[in-house]
C-alpha atoms as a PDB file:
ATOM      1  CA  MET A   1      13.938 -34.718   0.593  1.00  0.00           C
ATOM      2  CA  ALA A   2      15.591 -37.831  -0.824  1.00  0.00           C
ATOM      3  CA  GLU A   3      18.976 -39.107   0.332  1.00  0.00           C
ATOM      4  CA  PRO A   4      22.067 -37.615  -1.400  1.00  0.00           C
ATOM      5  CA  ALA A   5      23.043 -39.556  -4.515  1.00  0.00           C
ATOM      6  CA  ASP A   6      26.172 -39.969  -6.626  1.00  0.00           C
ATOM      7  CA  SER A   7      24.106 -39.711  -9.806  1.00  0.00           C
ATOM      8  CA  TYR A   8      21.060 -37.738 -10.815  1.00  0.00           C
ATOM      9  CA  PRO A   9      17.911 -38.639 -12.741  1.00  0.00           C
ATOM     10  CA  GLU A  10      17.670 -37.931 -16.451  1.00  0.00           C
ATOM     11  CA  SER A  11      14.829 -35.454 -15.802  1.00  0.00           C
ATOM     12  CA  ALA A  12      17.281 -33.152 -13.950  1.00  0.00           C
ATOM     13  CA  THR A  13      18.896 -32.384 -17.327  1.00  0.00           C
ATOM     14  CA  LEU A  14      15.669 -32.130 -19.317  1.00  0.00           C
ATOM     15  CA  GLY A  15      15.734 -35.706 -20.590  1.00  0.00           C
ATOM     16  CA  ASP A  16      18.025 -38.112 -22.311  1.00  0.00           C
ATOM     17  CA  GLU A  17      20.291 -37.387 -25.252  1.00  0.00           C
ATOM     18  CA  ASP A  18      17.881 -38.564 -27.940  1.00  0.00           C
ATOM     19  CA  GLY A  19      15.217 -35.907 -27.359  1.00  0.00           C
ATOM     20  CA  GLY A  20      13.499 -36.336 -23.971  1.00  0.00           C
ATOM     21  CA  ALA A  21      10.328 -34.335 -23.327  1.00  0.00           C
ATOM     22  CA  GLY A  22      10.883 -30.669 -22.547  1.00  0.00           C
ATOM     23  CA  LYS A  23      14.465 -30.637 -23.860  1.00  0.00           C
ATOM     24  CA  ALA A  24      15.593 -27.159 -24.846  1.00  0.00           C
ATOM     25  CA  GLU A  25      17.073 -26.865 -28.316  1.00  0.00           C
ATOM     26  CA  PRO A  26      20.464 -25.101 -28.577  1.00  0.00           C
ATOM     27  CA  GLU A  27      18.946 -22.575 -30.999  1.00  0.00           C
ATOM     28  CA  ASP A  28      16.248 -21.673 -28.436  1.00  0.00           C
ATOM     29  CA  LEU A  29      18.873 -21.193 -25.749  1.00  0.00           C
ATOM     30  CA  ARG A  30      21.018 -19.040 -28.036  1.00  0.00           C
ATOM     31  CA  ALA A  31      17.985 -16.937 -29.007  1.00  0.00           C
ATOM     32  CA  ALA A  32      17.005 -16.423 -25.353  1.00  0.00           C
ATOM     33  CA  LEU A  33      20.576 -15.459 -24.426  1.00  0.00           C
ATOM     34  CA  ALA A  34      20.818 -13.071 -27.376  1.00  0.00           C
ATOM     35  CA  ALA A  35      17.501 -11.437 -26.462  1.00  0.00           C
ATOM     36  CA  HIS A  36      18.506 -10.931 -22.822  1.00  0.00           C
ATOM     37  CA  ASP A  37      22.296 -10.712 -23.011  1.00  0.00           C
ATOM     38  CA  GLU A  38      22.575  -7.292 -21.309  1.00  0.00           C
ATOM     39  CA  GLU A  39      20.265  -8.283 -18.442  1.00  0.00           C
ATOM     40  CA  LEU A  40      22.174 -11.543 -17.961  1.00  0.00           C
ATOM     41  CA  ALA A  41      25.542  -9.764 -17.967  1.00  0.00           C
ATOM     42  CA  ALA A  42      24.268  -7.213 -15.428  1.00  0.00           C
ATOM     43  CA  ALA A  43      22.935  -9.987 -13.201  1.00  0.00           C
ATOM     44  CA  VAL A  44      26.210 -11.932 -13.370  1.00  0.00           C
ATOM     45  CA  GLU A  45      28.320  -8.837 -12.691  1.00  0.00           C
ATOM     46  CA  GLY A  46      25.988  -7.517  -9.995  1.00  0.00           C
ATOM     47  CA  THR A  47      26.270 -10.437  -7.623  1.00  0.00           C
ATOM     48  CA  GLY A  48      29.021 -12.783  -6.514  1.00  0.00           C
ATOM     49  CA  GLU A  49      26.393 -15.112  -5.091  1.00  0.00           C
ATOM     50  CA  LEU A  50      25.136 -16.320  -8.461  1.00  0.00           C
ATOM     51  CA  GLY A  51      27.737 -19.108  -8.637  1.00  0.00           C
ATOM     52  CA  ASP A  52      26.895 -20.274  -5.120  1.00  0.00           C
ATOM     53  CA  LEU A  53      23.211 -20.219  -5.977  1.00  0.00           C
ATOM     54  CA  LEU A  54      23.731 -22.248  -9.138  1.00  0.00           C
ATOM     55  CA  THR A  55      25.970 -24.760  -7.297  1.00  0.00           C
ATOM     56  CA  THR A  56      23.335 -25.175  -4.596  1.00  0.00           C
ATOM     57  CA  ALA A  57      20.592 -25.599  -7.193  1.00  0.00           C
ATOM     58  CA  ILE A  58      22.631 -28.261  -9.015  1.00  0.00           C
ATOM     59  CA  LEU A  59      23.322 -30.143  -5.778  1.00  0.00           C
ATOM     60  CA  VAL A  60      19.661 -30.014  -4.777  1.00  0.00           C
ATOM     61  CA  ALA A  61      18.561 -31.162  -8.225  1.00  0.00           C
ATOM     62  CA  ALA A  62      21.166 -33.957  -8.274  1.00  0.00           C
ATOM     63  CA  SER A  63      19.986 -35.347  -4.936  1.00  0.00           C
ATOM     64  CA  ALA A  64      16.273 -35.117  -5.759  1.00  0.00           C
ATOM     65  CA  ASP A  65      14.030 -37.733  -7.290  1.00  0.00           C
ATOM     66  CA  ASP A  66      11.906 -37.119 -10.402  1.00  0.00           C
ATOM     67  CA  GLU A  67       8.890 -35.832  -8.451  1.00  0.00           C
ATOM     68  CA  GLU A  68      10.994 -33.388  -6.440  1.00  0.00           C
ATOM     69  CA  VAL A  69      12.721 -32.110  -9.583  1.00  0.00           C
ATOM     70  CA  GLU A  70       9.340 -31.505 -11.218  1.00  0.00           C
ATOM     71  CA  HIS A  71       8.112 -29.682  -8.101  1.00  0.00           C
ATOM     72  CA  LEU A  72      11.283 -27.561  -7.983  1.00  0.00           C
ATOM     73  CA  THR A  73      10.985 -26.752 -11.695  1.00  0.00           C
ATOM     74  CA  ASP A  74       7.352 -25.688 -11.318  1.00  0.00           C
ATOM     75  CA  ARG A  75       8.150 -23.468  -8.336  1.00  0.00           C
ATOM     76  CA  THR A  76      11.147 -21.922 -10.083  1.00  0.00           C
ATOM     77  CA  SER A  77       9.019 -21.179 -13.153  1.00  0.00           C
ATOM     78  CA  ASN A  78       6.443 -19.472 -10.937  1.00  0.00           C
ATOM     79  CA  LEU A  79       9.131 -17.380  -9.222  1.00  0.00           C
ATOM     80  CA  VAL A  80      10.663 -16.319 -12.538  1.00  0.00           C
ATOM     81  CA  ALA A  81       7.227 -15.381 -13.909  1.00  0.00           C
ATOM     82  CA  ALA A  82       6.462 -13.377 -10.754  1.00  0.00           C
ATOM     83  CA  ALA A  83       9.818 -11.581 -10.895  1.00  0.00           C
ATOM     84  CA  ASP A  84       9.270 -10.803 -14.577  1.00  0.00           C
ATOM     85  CA  GLY A  85       5.828  -9.379 -13.787  1.00  0.00           C
ATOM     86  CA  LEU A  86       7.303  -7.182 -11.053  1.00  0.00           C
ATOM     87  CA  ALA A  87      10.154  -5.890 -13.227  1.00  0.00           C
ATOM     88  CA  THR A  88       8.475  -2.712 -14.470  1.00  0.00           C
ATOM     89  CA  ASP A  89       9.396   0.964 -14.342  1.00  0.00           C
ATOM     90  CA  GLU A  90       6.412   1.570 -12.064  1.00  0.00           C
ATOM     91  CA  THR A  91       7.553  -1.094  -9.579  1.00  0.00           C
ATOM     92  CA  ALA A  92      11.068   0.347  -9.536  1.00  0.00           C
ATOM     93  CA  ALA A  93       9.657   3.840  -8.899  1.00  0.00           C
ATOM     94  CA  LEU A  94       7.460   2.465  -6.106  1.00  0.00           C
ATOM     95  CA  ALA A  95      10.455   0.744  -4.510  1.00  0.00           C
ATOM     96  CA  ALA A  96      12.458   3.988  -4.681  1.00  0.00           C
ATOM     97  CA  ASP A  97       9.583   5.923  -3.064  1.00  0.00           C
ATOM     98  CA  LEU A  98       9.277   3.297  -0.334  1.00  0.00           C
ATOM     99  CA  GLY A  99      13.002   3.557   0.369  1.00  0.00           C
ATOM    100  CA  GLU A 100      12.945   7.353   0.501  1.00  0.00           C
ATOM    101  CA  ASN A 101       9.931   7.448   2.828  1.00  0.00           C
ATOM    102  CA  ALA A 102      10.693   4.389   4.955  1.00  0.00           C
ATOM    103  CA  GLY A 103      10.763   6.314   8.246  1.00  0.00           C
ATOM    104  CA  GLU A 104       7.414   7.992   7.655  1.00  0.00           C
ATOM    105  CA  LEU A 105       5.855   4.748   6.471  1.00  0.00           C
ATOM    106  CA  ALA A 106       7.131   2.919   9.559  1.00  0.00           C
ATOM    107  CA  ARG A 107       5.587   5.571  11.835  1.00  0.00           C
ATOM    108  CA  LEU A 108       2.321   5.405   9.886  1.00  0.00           C
ATOM    109  CA  LEU A 109       2.246   1.626  10.188  1.00  0.00           C
ATOM    110  CA  GLU A 110       2.920   1.869  13.946  1.00  0.00           C
ATOM    111  CA  THR A 111       0.011   4.301  14.297  1.00  0.00           C
ATOM    112  CA  LEU A 112      -2.320   2.047  12.298  1.00  0.00           C
ATOM    113  CA  LEU A 113      -1.299  -0.975  14.351  1.00  0.00           C
ATOM    114  CA  ALA A 114      -1.885   0.918  17.602  1.00  0.00           C
ATOM    115  CA  LEU A 115      -5.348   1.968  16.390  1.00  0.00           C
ATOM    116  CA  GLN A 116      -6.083  -1.638  15.434  1.00  0.00           C
ATOM    117  CA  ARG A 117      -4.905  -3.017  18.794  1.00  0.00           C
ATOM    118  CA  GLU A 118      -7.036  -0.504  20.684  1.00  0.00           C
ATOM    119  CA  GLY A 119     -10.073  -1.322  18.529  1.00  0.00           C
ATOM    120  CA  HIS A 120     -10.360   2.183  17.032  1.00  0.00           C
ATOM    121  CA  LEU A 121      -9.413   1.456  13.428  1.00  0.00           C
ATOM    122  CA  ASP A 122     -12.762  -0.144  12.569  1.00  0.00           C
ATOM    123  CA  ASP A 123     -14.556   2.788  14.239  1.00  0.00           C
ATOM    124  CA  LEU A 124     -12.596   5.266  12.109  1.00  0.00           C
ATOM    125  CA  ILE A 125     -13.384   3.338   8.940  1.00  0.00           C
ATOM    126  CA  GLU A 126     -17.085   3.270   9.821  1.00  0.00           C
ATOM    127  CA  LEU A 127     -16.967   7.017  10.482  1.00  0.00           C
ATOM    128  CA  ALA A 128     -15.118   7.720   7.239  1.00  0.00           C
ATOM    129  CA  GLU A 129     -17.719   6.035   5.027  1.00  0.00           C
ATOM    130  CA  PRO A 130     -20.565   8.519   5.720  1.00  0.00           C
ATOM    131  CA  LEU A 131     -18.120  11.442   5.798  1.00  0.00           C
ATOM    132  CA  ALA A 132     -16.946  10.537   2.293  1.00  0.00           C
ATOM    133  CA  ALA A 133     -20.500  11.041   1.037  1.00  0.00           C
ATOM    134  CA  LEU A 134     -20.611  14.623   2.358  1.00  0.00           C
ATOM    135  CA  GLU A 135     -19.995  17.536   0.007  1.00  0.00           C
ATOM    136  CA  ILE A 136     -17.413  19.451   2.015  1.00  0.00           C
ATOM    137  CA  ASP A 137     -15.522  22.202   0.240  1.00  0.00           C
ATOM    138  CA  GLU A 138     -12.967  24.585   1.752  1.00  0.00           C
ATOM    139  CA  ASP A 139     -15.584  27.159   2.827  1.00  0.00           C
ATOM    140  CA  THR A 140     -17.640  24.442   4.558  1.00  0.00           C
ATOM    141  CA  ALA A 141     -14.585  23.149   6.400  1.00  0.00           C
ATOM    142  CA  GLU A 142     -13.682  26.669   7.566  1.00  0.00           C
ATOM    143  CA  GLY A 143     -17.277  27.279   8.688  1.00  0.00           C
ATOM    144  CA  LEU A 144     -17.372  24.016  10.635  1.00  0.00           C
ATOM    145  CA  ASN A 145     -14.036  24.844  12.269  1.00  0.00           C
ATOM    146  CA  ALA A 146     -15.376  28.280  13.288  1.00  0.00           C
ATOM    147  CA  VAL A 147     -18.556  26.784  14.781  1.00  0.00           C
ATOM    148  CA  LEU A 148     -16.697  24.013  16.607  1.00  0.00           C
ATOM    149  CA  GLY A 149     -14.113  26.500  17.928  1.00  0.00           C
ATOM    150  CA  ALA A 150     -16.925  28.759  19.155  1.00  0.00           C
ATOM    151  CA  VAL A 151     -18.562  25.803  20.912  1.00  0.00           C
ATOM    152  CA  GLY A 152     -15.298  25.177  22.748  1.00  0.00           C
ATOM    153  CA  GLU A 153     -14.946  28.828  23.749  1.00  0.00           C
ATOM    154  CA  ALA A 154     -18.579  29.062  24.856  1.00  0.00           C
ATOM    155  CA  GLY A 155     -18.069  26.027  27.054  1.00  0.00           C
ATOM    156  CA  THR A 156     -15.293  27.783  28.964  1.00  0.00           C
ATOM    157  CA  ASP A 157     -16.687  31.362  28.914  1.00  0.00           C
ATOM    158  CA  SER A 158     -20.367  30.753  29.644  1.00  0.00           C
ATOM    159  CA  GLY A 159     -22.059  31.327  32.944  1.00  0.00           C
ATOM    160  CA  PRO A 160     -25.270  32.690  34.408  1.00  0.00           C
ATOM    161  CA  LEU A 161     -26.479  35.860  32.706  1.00  0.00           C
ATOM    162  CA  SER A 162     -28.542  38.593  34.349  1.00  0.00           C
ATOM    163  CA  LEU A 163     -31.118  40.712  32.538  1.00  0.00           C
ATOM    164  CA  SER A 164     -28.789  43.710  32.559  1.00  0.00           C
ATOM    165  CA  GLY A 165     -25.952  41.478  31.253  1.00  0.00           C
ATOM    166  CA  LEU A 166     -28.200  40.356  28.396  1.00  0.00           C
ATOM    167  CA  VAL A 167     -28.995  43.933  27.434  1.00  0.00           C
ATOM    168  CA  SER A 168     -25.301  44.823  27.651  1.00  0.00           C
ATOM    169  CA  ASP A 169     -24.325  41.854  25.465  1.00  0.00           C
ATOM    170  CA  LEU A 170     -26.874  42.868  22.794  1.00  0.00           C
ATOM    171  CA  ARG A 171     -24.705  45.942  22.099  1.00  0.00           C
ATOM    172  CA  SER A 172     -21.627  43.732  21.569  1.00  0.00           C
ATOM    173  CA  SER A 173     -20.290  43.603  18.003  1.00  0.00           C
ATOM    174  CA  GLU A 174     -19.314  39.961  18.581  1.00  0.00           C
ATOM    175  CA  LEU A 175     -22.900  39.013  19.464  1.00  0.00           C
ATOM    176  CA  ARG A 176     -24.262  40.869  16.430  1.00  0.00           C
ATOM    177  CA  ALA A 177     -21.705  39.091  14.190  1.00  0.00           C
ATOM    178  CA  GLY A 178     -22.729  35.724  15.658  1.00  0.00           C
ATOM    179  CA  VAL A 179     -26.444  36.427  15.181  1.00  0.00           C
ATOM    180  CA  GLY A 180     -25.730  37.533  11.595  1.00  0.00           C
ATOM    181  CA  TYR A 181     -23.834  34.299  10.991  1.00  0.00           C
ATOM    182  CA  LEU A 182     -26.695  32.217  12.398  1.00  0.00           C
ATOM    183  CA  LEU A 183     -29.213  34.086  10.209  1.00  0.00           C
ATOM    184  CA  SER A 184     -27.052  33.432   7.113  1.00  0.00           C
ATOM    185  CA  LEU A 185     -26.790  29.785   8.094  1.00  0.00           C
ATOM    186  CA  LEU A 186     -30.572  29.520   8.476  1.00  0.00           C
ATOM    187  CA  LYS A 187     -31.128  31.173   5.070  1.00  0.00           C
ATOM    188  CA  ALA A 188     -28.686  28.816   3.343  1.00  0.00           C
ATOM    189  CA  LEU A 189     -30.285  25.846   5.099  1.00  0.00           C
ATOM    190  CA  GLY A 190     -33.734  27.012   3.951  1.00  0.00           C
ATOM    191  CA  ARG A 191     -32.531  27.276   0.308  1.00  0.00           C
ATOM    192  CA  ARG A 192     -31.131  23.723   0.410  1.00  0.00           C
ATOM    193  CA  VAL A 193     -34.310  22.377   1.975  1.00  0.00           C
ATOM    194  CA  GLN A 194     -36.389  24.011  -0.781  1.00  0.00           C
ATOM    195  CA  GLU A 195     -34.079  22.673  -3.530  1.00  0.00           C
ATOM    196  CA  SER A 196     -34.216  19.077  -2.336  1.00  0.00           C
END
């Protein structure tokens, strides 16, 4: 930045007195203030730092050369435009939701970061893409849970089976229910194969 100066360039005040380029007309300023008087009053009342901010901005502008003032003006215009674009009811509601759920969101972010560090996040995303194409309703999910739970139980309960044990198990209501389920599954699979 340029060295501090006792005077400031004409461009810091929007030009000279006889109509420099970009000079705001008093009527324009009055119209802008009238259109946004409540917002301006709320901003002035809401913060004691506004005066310090304006003083700092004036000092920075006074010690800057023409190119730096133009750069500062462009950046300030961009910031004001961005803030105006963000000042919507939806953005305010989103900010409120973020504040209310900050703890949960922080835990979720920690989990995502841990998955990313361990290299599992990309694997989950790759797995999710084909799963999203599946037509899974509530009945399908319950059926899959039943089958997967039975696979887990069978892994812990299974063992060698004698011929007499096989005959004994054929009288079991659980075995008959399982065979009935498998037959229903095969019928439904056959219907889908014929339809496609």
